Amino acid sequence: MEIKIAVKSVHHELIVETDMTMEQVEDALRNALAVERGVFAITDTGGRRIVVPVASLGYIEMGKEEPRMAGFAGML
């Protein structure tokens, strides 16, 4: 699933591809917002960890979950 993260005072969104479900992302965001000076952390499909202080979050946009096509089937 693709997630776009807007960070305050940054002109470009962070675009992250993750294997997490929408519910998992929402839970991670809720947990981060519940902690004073919390951070929103997510791991992308390549294993990289993205960490953003919740005070700097503008918004998070989640795309719909779609099964990925592999091989030449995705090119049709």
C-alpha atoms as a PDB file:
ATOM      1  CA  MET A   1       0.000   0.000   0.000  1.00  0.00           C
ATOM      2  CA  GLU A   2       1.246   3.498  -0.789  1.00  0.00           C
ATOM      3  CA  ILE A   3       1.306   6.113   1.957  1.00  0.00           C
ATOM      4  CA  LYS A   4       1.963   9.826   1.434  1.00  0.00           C
ATOM      5  CA  ILE A   5       3.234  11.719   4.461  1.00  0.00           C
ATOM      6  CA  ALA A   6       3.185  15.509   4.451  1.00  0.00           C
ATOM      7  CA  VAL A   7       5.676  17.147   6.794  1.00  0.00           C
ATOM      8  CA  LYS A   8       5.223  20.776   7.861  1.00  0.00           C
ATOM      9  CA  SER A   9       7.632  23.221   6.185  1.00  0.00           C
ATOM     10  CA  VAL A  10       8.719  20.589   3.620  1.00  0.00           C
ATOM     11  CA  HIS A  11       7.601  21.115   0.021  1.00  0.00           C
ATOM     12  CA  HIS A  12       7.508  17.447  -1.018  1.00  0.00           C
ATOM     13  CA  GLU A  13       5.544  14.570   0.441  1.00  0.00           C
ATOM     14  CA  LEU A  14       7.285  11.435   1.627  1.00  0.00           C
ATOM     15  CA  ILE A  15       5.958   8.525  -0.423  1.00  0.00           C
ATOM     16  CA  VAL A  16       6.297   5.168   1.289  1.00  0.00           C
ATOM     17  CA  GLU A  17       5.355   1.733  -0.043  1.00  0.00           C
ATOM     18  CA  THR A  18       4.548  -0.596   2.858  1.00  0.00           C
ATOM     19  CA  ASP A  19       3.144  -4.051   3.492  1.00  0.00           C
ATOM     20  CA  MET A  20       1.144  -2.748   6.457  1.00  0.00           C
ATOM     21  CA  THR A  21      -2.641  -2.608   6.287  1.00  0.00           C
ATOM     22  CA  MET A  22      -4.602   0.628   6.675  1.00  0.00           C
ATOM     23  CA  GLU A  23      -5.636  -0.478  10.154  1.00  0.00           C
ATOM     24  CA  GLN A  24      -2.004  -1.064  11.173  1.00  0.00           C
ATOM     25  CA  VAL A  25      -0.979   2.368   9.896  1.00  0.00           C
ATOM     26  CA  GLU A  26      -3.898   4.024  11.699  1.00  0.00           C
ATOM     27  CA  ASP A  27      -2.993   2.201  14.924  1.00  0.00           C
ATOM     28  CA  ALA A  28       0.639   3.320  14.634  1.00  0.00           C
ATOM     29  CA  LEU A  29      -0.529   6.908  14.088  1.00  0.00           C
ATOM     30  CA  ARG A  30      -2.959   6.791  17.040  1.00  0.00           C
ATOM     31  CA  ASN A  31      -0.217   5.412  19.307  1.00  0.00           C
ATOM     32  CA  ALA A  32       2.200   8.130  18.180  1.00  0.00           C
ATOM     33  CA  LEU A  33      -0.370  10.879  18.777  1.00  0.00           C
ATOM     34  CA  ALA A  34      -1.147   9.546  22.264  1.00  0.00           C
ATOM     35  CA  VAL A  35       2.422  10.153  23.471  1.00  0.00           C
ATOM     36  CA  GLU A  36       3.705  13.620  24.253  1.00  0.00           C
ATOM     37  CA  ARG A  37       6.477  14.367  21.748  1.00  0.00           C
ATOM     38  CA  GLY A  38       5.638  11.113  19.980  1.00  0.00           C
ATOM     39  CA  VAL A  39       7.000   9.974  16.643  1.00  0.00           C
ATOM     40  CA  PHE A  40       5.200   8.282  13.766  1.00  0.00           C
ATOM     41  CA  ALA A  41       7.379   5.421  12.548  1.00  0.00           C
ATOM     42  CA  ILE A  42       6.760   3.103   9.611  1.00  0.00           C
ATOM     43  CA  THR A  43       8.857   0.532   7.747  1.00  0.00           C
ATOM     44  CA  ASP A  44       8.753   0.407   3.945  1.00  0.00           C
ATOM     45  CA  THR A  45       8.836  -2.713   1.781  1.00  0.00           C
ATOM     46  CA  GLY A  46      12.633  -2.404   1.446  1.00  0.00           C
ATOM     47  CA  GLY A  47      13.128  -2.515   5.215  1.00  0.00           C
ATOM     48  CA  ARG A  48      13.901   1.196   5.641  1.00  0.00           C
ATOM     49  CA  ARG A  49      12.441   2.890   8.711  1.00  0.00           C
ATOM     50  CA  ILE A  50      10.847   6.328   8.322  1.00  0.00           C
ATOM     51  CA  VAL A  51      10.393   8.317  11.540  1.00  0.00           C
ATOM     52  CA  VAL A  52       8.589  11.673  11.711  1.00  0.00           C
ATOM     53  CA  PRO A  53       7.846  13.647  14.901  1.00  0.00           C
ATOM     54  CA  VAL A  54       4.055  13.950  15.205  1.00  0.00           C
ATOM     55  CA  ALA A  55       4.406  17.687  15.845  1.00  0.00           C
ATOM     56  CA  SER A  56       5.748  17.978  12.268  1.00  0.00           C
ATOM     57  CA  LEU A  57       3.024  15.928  10.560  1.00  0.00           C
ATOM     58  CA  GLY A  58       0.796  17.754   8.116  1.00  0.00           C
ATOM     59  CA  TYR A  59      -1.309  14.795   6.978  1.00  0.00           C
ATOM     60  CA  ILE A  60      -1.069  11.142   5.993  1.00  0.00           C
ATOM     61  CA  GLU A  61      -2.797   9.884   2.865  1.00  0.00           C
ATOM     62  CA  MET A  62      -3.283   6.151   2.389  1.00  0.00           C
ATOM     63  CA  GLY A  63      -4.031   4.543  -0.954  1.00  0.00           C
ATOM     64  CA  LYS A  64      -6.390   1.642  -1.259  1.00  0.00           C
ATOM     65  CA  GLU A  65      -4.912  -1.771  -0.730  1.00  0.00           C
ATOM     66  CA  GLU A  66      -4.474  -3.661  -3.986  1.00  0.00           C
ATOM     67  CA  PRO A  67      -2.842  -7.015  -4.638  1.00  0.00           C
ATOM     68  CA  ARG A  68       0.388  -6.608  -6.574  1.00  0.00           C
ATOM     69  CA  MET A  69       0.803  -8.184  -9.972  1.00  0.00           C
ATOM     70  CA  ALA A  70       4.053  -9.988 -10.579  1.00  0.00           C
ATOM     71  CA  GLY A  71       5.931 -10.560 -13.827  1.00  0.00           C
ATOM     72  CA  PHE A  72       4.441  -9.676 -17.192  1.00  0.00           C
ATOM     73  CA  ALA A  73       0.877  -9.897 -15.876  1.00  0.00           C
ATOM     74  CA  GLY A  74       1.263  -6.432 -14.345  1.00  0.00           C
ATOM     75  CA  MET A  75       2.088  -4.945 -17.775  1.00  0.00           C
ATOM     76  CA  LEU A  76      -1.188  -5.945 -19.451  1.00  0.00           C
END
